[in-house]
Amino acid sequence: MAEQAKKTVKITLVRSAIGFDKSQKATVQGMGLRKIRQTVELLDTPETRGMIHKVRHLVEVVE
């Protein structure tokens, strides 16, 4: 069988996590985001989607 192409999403931090819950800051760091306007590319998995949903007010997502 042919190997399926892995889908990815680009996530950009647009707001600081300062002033929000500690778990939200940890989620942002867990995605590999350190600075505002930094972009990372992660695999599109249910786990990643859950992280995005938790901090959706802080990030911008491009599929």
PDB file of N, CA and C in Angstrom:
ATOM      1  N   MET A   1       0.826  -1.186   0.000  1.00  0.00           N
ATOM      2  CA  MET A   1       0.000   0.000   0.000  1.00  0.00           C
ATOM      3  C   MET A   1       0.871   1.250   0.000  1.00  0.00           C
ATOM      4  N   ALA A   2       0.349   2.278  -0.640  1.00  0.00           N
ATOM      5  CA  ALA A   2       1.075   3.545  -0.692  1.00  0.00           C
ATOM      6  C   ALA A   2       0.963   4.259   0.649  1.00  0.00           C
ATOM      7  N   GLU A   3       2.041   4.882   1.022  1.00  0.00           N
ATOM      8  CA  GLU A   3       2.047   5.616   2.290  1.00  0.00           C
ATOM      9  C   GLU A   3       1.310   6.937   2.105  1.00  0.00           C
ATOM     10  N   GLN A   4       0.386   7.230   3.020  1.00  0.00           N
ATOM     11  CA  GLN A   4      -0.395   8.460   2.917  1.00  0.00           C
ATOM     12  C   GLN A   4       0.460   9.668   3.282  1.00  0.00           C
ATOM     13  N   ALA A   5       0.184  10.773   2.604  1.00  0.00           N
ATOM     14  CA  ALA A   5       0.912  12.010   2.906  1.00  0.00           C
ATOM     15  C   ALA A   5       0.451  12.533   4.257  1.00  0.00           C
ATOM     16  N   LYS A   6       1.400  12.940   5.072  1.00  0.00           N
ATOM     17  CA  LYS A   6       1.083  13.471   6.396  1.00  0.00           C
ATOM     18  C   LYS A   6       0.664  14.931   6.247  1.00  0.00           C
ATOM     19  N   LYS A   7      -0.532  15.252   6.749  1.00  0.00           N
ATOM     20  CA  LYS A   7      -1.005  16.624   6.685  1.00  0.00           C
ATOM     21  C   LYS A   7      -0.408  17.419   7.839  1.00  0.00           C
ATOM     22  N   THR A   8      -0.129  18.676   7.576  1.00  0.00           N
ATOM     23  CA  THR A   8       0.421  19.540   8.613  1.00  0.00           C
ATOM     24  C   THR A   8      -0.397  20.823   8.692  1.00  0.00           C
ATOM     25  N   VAL A   9      -0.260  21.507   9.824  1.00  0.00           N
ATOM     26  CA  VAL A   9      -0.876  22.815  10.006  1.00  0.00           C
ATOM     27  C   VAL A   9       0.210  23.780  10.455  1.00  0.00           C
ATOM     28  N   LYS A  10       0.104  25.024  10.007  1.00  0.00           N
ATOM     29  CA  LYS A  10       1.031  26.066  10.433  1.00  0.00           C
ATOM     30  C   LYS A  10       0.339  26.873  11.520  1.00  0.00           C
ATOM     31  N   ILE A  11       1.019  27.007  12.641  1.00  0.00           N
ATOM     32  CA  ILE A  11       0.461  27.698  13.804  1.00  0.00           C
ATOM     33  C   ILE A  11       1.358  28.887  14.116  1.00  0.00           C
ATOM     34  N   THR A  12       0.745  30.072  14.234  1.00  0.00           N
ATOM     35  CA  THR A  12       1.482  31.293  14.524  1.00  0.00           C
ATOM     36  C   THR A  12       0.958  31.887  15.819  1.00  0.00           C
ATOM     37  N   LEU A  13       1.857  32.242  16.714  1.00  0.00           N
ATOM     38  CA  LEU A  13       1.483  32.894  17.965  1.00  0.00           C
ATOM     39  C   LEU A  13       1.222  34.366  17.678  1.00  0.00           C
ATOM     40  N   VAL A  14       0.002  34.840  17.944  1.00  0.00           N
ATOM     41  CA  VAL A  14      -0.348  36.231  17.651  1.00  0.00           C
ATOM     42  C   VAL A  14      -0.573  37.057  18.916  1.00  0.00           C
ATOM     43  N   ARG A  15      -0.766  36.408  20.048  1.00  0.00           N
ATOM     44  CA  ARG A  15      -0.926  37.117  21.319  1.00  0.00           C
ATOM     45  C   ARG A  15      -0.065  36.435  22.367  1.00  0.00           C
ATOM     46  N   SER A  16       0.361  37.226  23.337  1.00  0.00           N
ATOM     47  CA  SER A  16       1.176  36.698  24.417  1.00  0.00           C
ATOM     48  C   SER A  16       0.312  35.871  25.367  1.00  0.00           C
ATOM     49  N   ALA A  17       0.915  34.870  25.981  1.00  0.00           N
ATOM     50  CA  ALA A  17       0.208  34.027  26.950  1.00  0.00           C
ATOM     51  C   ALA A  17       0.266  34.619  28.356  1.00  0.00           C
ATOM     52  N   ILE A  18       0.933  35.772  28.503  1.00  0.00           N
ATOM     53  CA  ILE A  18       1.018  36.428  29.811  1.00  0.00           C
ATOM     54  C   ILE A  18      -0.380  36.851  30.228  1.00  0.00           C
ATOM     55  N   GLY A  19      -0.721  36.564  31.464  1.00  0.00           N
ATOM     56  CA  GLY A  19      -2.032  36.951  31.984  1.00  0.00           C
ATOM     57  C   GLY A  19      -3.092  35.883  31.818  1.00  0.00           C
ATOM     58  N   PHE A  20      -2.750  34.801  31.145  1.00  0.00           N
ATOM     59  CA  PHE A  20      -3.685  33.702  30.974  1.00  0.00           C
ATOM     60  C   PHE A  20      -3.289  32.561  31.905  1.00  0.00           C
ATOM     61  N   ASP A  21      -4.117  31.554  31.948  1.00  0.00           N
ATOM     62  CA  ASP A  21      -3.899  30.393  32.806  1.00  0.00           C
ATOM     63  C   ASP A  21      -2.532  29.755  32.525  1.00  0.00           C
ATOM     64  N   LYS A  22      -1.892  29.236  33.559  1.00  0.00           N
ATOM     65  CA  LYS A  22      -0.577  28.604  33.411  1.00  0.00           C
ATOM     66  C   LYS A  22      -0.620  27.434  32.440  1.00  0.00           C
ATOM     67  N   SER A  23      -1.736  26.712  32.428  1.00  0.00           N
ATOM     68  CA  SER A  23      -1.827  25.562  31.525  1.00  0.00           C
ATOM     69  C   SER A  23      -1.859  26.019  30.064  1.00  0.00           C
ATOM     70  N   GLN A  24      -2.407  27.207  29.806  1.00  0.00           N
ATOM     71  CA  GLN A  24      -2.415  27.726  28.437  1.00  0.00           C
ATOM     72  C   GLN A  24      -1.008  28.126  28.012  1.00  0.00           C
ATOM     73  N   LYS A  25      -0.248  28.699  28.922  1.00  0.00           N
ATOM     74  CA  LYS A  25       1.139  29.048  28.619  1.00  0.00           C
ATOM     75  C   LYS A  25       1.946  27.777  28.352  1.00  0.00           C
ATOM     76  N   ALA A  26       1.704  26.745  29.136  1.00  0.00           N
ATOM     77  CA  ALA A  26       2.390  25.472  28.935  1.00  0.00           C
ATOM     78  C   ALA A  26       2.004  24.850  27.596  1.00  0.00           C
ATOM     79  N   THR A  27       0.767  25.005  27.188  1.00  0.00           N
ATOM     80  CA  THR A  27       0.313  24.473  25.907  1.00  0.00           C
ATOM     81  C   THR A  27       1.015  25.178  24.754  1.00  0.00           C
ATOM     82  N   VAL A  28       1.125  26.498  24.846  1.00  0.00           N
ATOM     83  CA  VAL A  28       1.824  27.271  23.817  1.00  0.00           C
ATOM     84  C   VAL A  28       3.281  26.821  23.730  1.00  0.00           C
ATOM     85  N   GLN A  29       3.928  26.652  24.866  1.00  0.00           N
ATOM     86  CA  GLN A  29       5.317  26.200  24.869  1.00  0.00           C
ATOM     87  C   GLN A  29       5.431  24.771  24.354  1.00  0.00           C
ATOM     88  N   GLY A  30       4.435  23.940  24.665  1.00  0.00           N
ATOM     89  CA  GLY A  30       4.437  22.558  24.200  1.00  0.00           C
ATOM     90  C   GLY A  30       4.335  22.440  22.692  1.00  0.00           C
ATOM     91  N   MET A  31       3.723  23.439  22.056  1.00  0.00           N
ATOM     92  CA  MET A  31       3.647  23.457  20.594  1.00  0.00           C
ATOM     93  C   MET A  31       4.935  23.979  19.975  1.00  0.00           C
ATOM     94  N   GLY A  32       5.854  24.467  20.804  1.00  0.00           N
ATOM     95  CA  GLY A  32       7.133  24.945  20.303  1.00  0.00           C
ATOM     96  C   GLY A  32       7.158  26.423  20.006  1.00  0.00           C
ATOM     97  N   LEU A  33       6.151  27.153  20.476  1.00  0.00           N
ATOM     98  CA  LEU A  33       6.084  28.592  20.232  1.00  0.00           C
ATOM     99  C   LEU A  33       6.726  29.341  21.387  1.00  0.00           C
ATOM    100  N   ARG A  34       7.639  30.251  21.077  1.00  0.00           N
ATOM    101  CA  ARG A  34       8.351  31.006  22.107  1.00  0.00           C
ATOM    102  C   ARG A  34       8.112  32.502  22.006  1.00  0.00           C
ATOM    103  N   LYS A  35       8.053  33.030  20.780  1.00  0.00           N
ATOM    104  CA  LYS A  35       7.928  34.471  20.576  1.00  0.00           C
ATOM    105  C   LYS A  35       6.688  34.778  19.742  1.00  0.00           C
ATOM    106  N   ILE A  36       6.170  35.987  19.896  1.00  0.00           N
ATOM    107  CA  ILE A  36       5.036  36.430  19.100  1.00  0.00           C
ATOM    108  C   ILE A  36       5.468  36.489  17.639  1.00  0.00           C
ATOM    109  N   ARG A  37       4.590  36.083  16.758  1.00  0.00           N
ATOM    110  CA  ARG A  37       4.792  35.977  15.310  1.00  0.00           C
ATOM    111  C   ARG A  37       5.698  34.823  14.909  1.00  0.00           C
ATOM    112  N   GLN A  38       6.055  33.958  15.838  1.00  0.00           N
ATOM    113  CA  GLN A  38       6.810  32.758  15.491  1.00  0.00           C
ATOM    114  C   GLN A  38       5.827  31.736  14.937  1.00  0.00           C
ATOM    115  N   THR A  39       6.231  31.033  13.904  1.00  0.00           N
ATOM    116  CA  THR A  39       5.386  30.031  13.261  1.00  0.00           C
ATOM    117  C   THR A  39       6.048  28.668  13.355  1.00  0.00           C
ATOM    118  N   VAL A  40       5.230  27.658  13.686  1.00  0.00           N
ATOM    119  CA  VAL A  40       5.700  26.280  13.683  1.00  0.00           C
ATOM    120  C   VAL A  40       4.767  25.456  12.808  1.00  0.00           C
ATOM    121  N   GLU A  41       5.290  24.363  12.296  1.00  0.00           N
ATOM    122  CA  GLU A  41       4.501  23.461  11.472  1.00  0.00           C
ATOM    123  C   GLU A  41       4.422  22.127  12.191  1.00  0.00           C
ATOM    124  N   LEU A  42       3.197  21.725  12.541  1.00  0.00           N
ATOM    125  CA  LEU A  42       2.982  20.485  13.281  1.00  0.00           C
ATOM    126  C   LEU A  42       2.077  19.552  12.489  1.00  0.00           C
ATOM    127  N   LEU A  43       2.188  18.265  12.780  1.00  0.00           N
ATOM    128  CA  LEU A  43       1.294  17.293  12.148  1.00  0.00           C
ATOM    129  C   LEU A  43      -0.141  17.542  12.581  1.00  0.00           C
ATOM    130  N   ASP A  44      -1.066  17.335  11.659  1.00  0.00           N
ATOM    131  CA  ASP A  44      -2.489  17.538  11.937  1.00  0.00           C
ATOM    132  C   ASP A  44      -3.049  16.274  12.585  1.00  0.00           C
ATOM    133  N   THR A  45      -2.946  16.206  13.917  1.00  0.00           N
ATOM    134  CA  THR A  45      -3.440  15.062  14.674  1.00  0.00           C
ATOM    135  C   THR A  45      -4.514  15.539  15.644  1.00  0.00           C
ATOM    136  N   PRO A  46      -5.297  14.628  16.195  1.00  0.00           N
ATOM    137  CA  PRO A  46      -6.294  15.034  17.193  1.00  0.00           C
ATOM    138  C   PRO A  46      -5.666  15.708  18.410  1.00  0.00           C
ATOM    139  N   GLU A  47      -4.460  15.289  18.775  1.00  0.00           N
ATOM    140  CA  GLU A  47      -3.782  15.900  19.916  1.00  0.00           C
ATOM    141  C   GLU A  47      -3.425  17.355  19.625  1.00  0.00           C
ATOM    142  N   THR A  48      -2.889  17.588  18.426  1.00  0.00           N
ATOM    143  CA  THR A  48      -2.532  18.949  18.034  1.00  0.00           C
ATOM    144  C   THR A  48      -3.780  19.816  17.945  1.00  0.00           C
ATOM    145  N   ARG A  49      -4.849  19.274  17.398  1.00  0.00           N
ATOM    146  CA  ARG A  49      -6.104  20.022  17.293  1.00  0.00           C
ATOM    147  C   ARG A  49      -6.641  20.404  18.672  1.00  0.00           C
ATOM    148  N   GLY A  50      -6.484  19.516  19.637  1.00  0.00           N
ATOM    149  CA  GLY A  50      -6.917  19.809  21.003  1.00  0.00           C
ATOM    150  C   GLY A  50      -6.105  20.940  21.612  1.00  0.00           C
ATOM    151  N   MET A  51      -4.798  20.947  21.343  1.00  0.00           N
ATOM    152  CA  MET A  51      -3.941  22.024  21.838  1.00  0.00           C
ATOM    153  C   MET A  51      -4.327  23.354  21.196  1.00  0.00           C
ATOM    154  N   ILE A  52      -4.600  23.323  19.899  1.00  0.00           N
ATOM    155  CA  ILE A  52      -5.004  24.538  19.193  1.00  0.00           C
ATOM    156  C   ILE A  52      -6.315  25.059  19.760  1.00  0.00           C
ATOM    157  N   HIS A  53      -7.247  24.155  20.016  1.00  0.00           N
ATOM    158  CA  HIS A  53      -8.552  24.554  20.545  1.00  0.00           C
ATOM    159  C   HIS A  53      -8.413  25.222  21.917  1.00  0.00           C
ATOM    160  N   LYS A  54      -7.489  24.733  22.714  1.00  0.00           N
ATOM    161  CA  LYS A  54      -7.308  25.268  24.066  1.00  0.00           C
ATOM    162  C   LYS A  54      -6.777  26.703  24.042  1.00  0.00           C
ATOM    163  N   VAL A  55      -5.951  27.031  23.071  1.00  0.00           N
ATOM    164  CA  VAL A  55      -5.363  28.373  22.993  1.00  0.00           C
ATOM    165  C   VAL A  55      -5.759  29.092  21.696  1.00  0.00           C
ATOM    166  N   ARG A  56      -6.951  28.843  21.221  1.00  0.00           N
ATOM    167  CA  ARG A  56      -7.391  29.392  19.938  1.00  0.00           C
ATOM    168  C   ARG A  56      -7.448  30.912  19.924  1.00  0.00           C
ATOM    169  N   HIS A  57      -7.534  31.534  21.089  1.00  0.00           N
ATOM    170  CA  HIS A  57      -7.547  32.997  21.176  1.00  0.00           C
ATOM    171  C   HIS A  57      -6.143  33.593  21.116  1.00  0.00           C
ATOM    172  N   LEU A  58      -5.117  32.768  21.157  1.00  0.00           N
ATOM    173  CA  LEU A  58      -3.735  33.239  21.147  1.00  0.00           C
ATOM    174  C   LEU A  58      -3.003  32.928  19.839  1.00  0.00           C
ATOM    175  N   VAL A  59      -3.552  32.018  19.048  1.00  0.00           N
ATOM    176  CA  VAL A  59      -2.850  31.556  17.850  1.00  0.00           C
ATOM    177  C   VAL A  59      -3.689  31.753  16.592  1.00  0.00           C
ATOM    178  N   GLU A  60      -2.989  31.673  15.465  1.00  0.00           N
ATOM    179  CA  GLU A  60      -3.621  31.723  14.158  1.00  0.00           C
ATOM    180  C   GLU A  60      -3.201  30.447  13.428  1.00  0.00           C
ATOM    181  N   VAL A  61      -4.147  29.795  12.774  1.00  0.00           N
ATOM    182  CA  VAL A  61      -3.868  28.496  12.154  1.00  0.00           C
ATOM    183  C   VAL A  61      -4.109  28.571  10.653  1.00  0.00           C
ATOM    184  N   VAL A  62      -3.149  28.034   9.888  1.00  0.00           N
ATOM    185  CA  VAL A  62      -3.279  27.912   8.441  1.00  0.00           C
ATOM    186  C   VAL A  62      -3.113  26.443   8.109  1.00  0.00           C
ATOM    187  N   GLU A  63      -4.096  25.894   7.420  1.00  0.00           N
ATOM    188  CA  GLU A  63      -4.041  24.461   7.078  1.00  0.00           C
ATOM    189  C   GLU A  63      -3.336  24.224   5.773  1.00  0.00           C
TER     190      GLU A  63
END
